[in-house]
């Protein structure tokens, strides 16, 4: 038995290395599988615009409506819709209706929630005019973290409507500190 110990030791060492390789390979595969792609500011604007159009209408959303809302050309909107579809946030066929996927709805609802909480905060806490807070909220909605929005909502007493009377959508934070 003693004369085989170098072989035994090298076997254990190689087995340990192989085990570590498979573990890290699993970690990398899992990370790639579950890694979420975050939308750009422009993509967030598109998702929110689609969500707002769906919120205001019972009819399926057409790309011409989105073009009118965003004040852009049809080709630009068509190109962005393809991007959103490639990320899995939108379902859209050429000349067909635009619908948000479950992940697209989550992103748009969170952004809309942030926007409306910021509007409410600007009106109630800072005393700004309700008609002038929309542009400020639009600038801030992309930058404010889920933690800050949650604290702002708590300070406001967890409102259900924004200053313009729109209902706040469900908020599903991304931050693990909030979950």
Foldseek 3Di string as FASTA:
>chain_A
DVVCVVVVVVVVVVVVVVVVVVVVVVVVVVCVVPPADDDDLVLLVLLLLLVVVVVVDVDFAWLVVSCVVVVHDSVVSVVSQVVCVVNVQWDDDVRDGIDGDPVSVQSNLQLQLQLQLQLQCCCVVVVDDSVPCNVVSSVCSVPDAPVVSVVSCVVVVNDQAGPVGHGRGDHDHPDPVVD
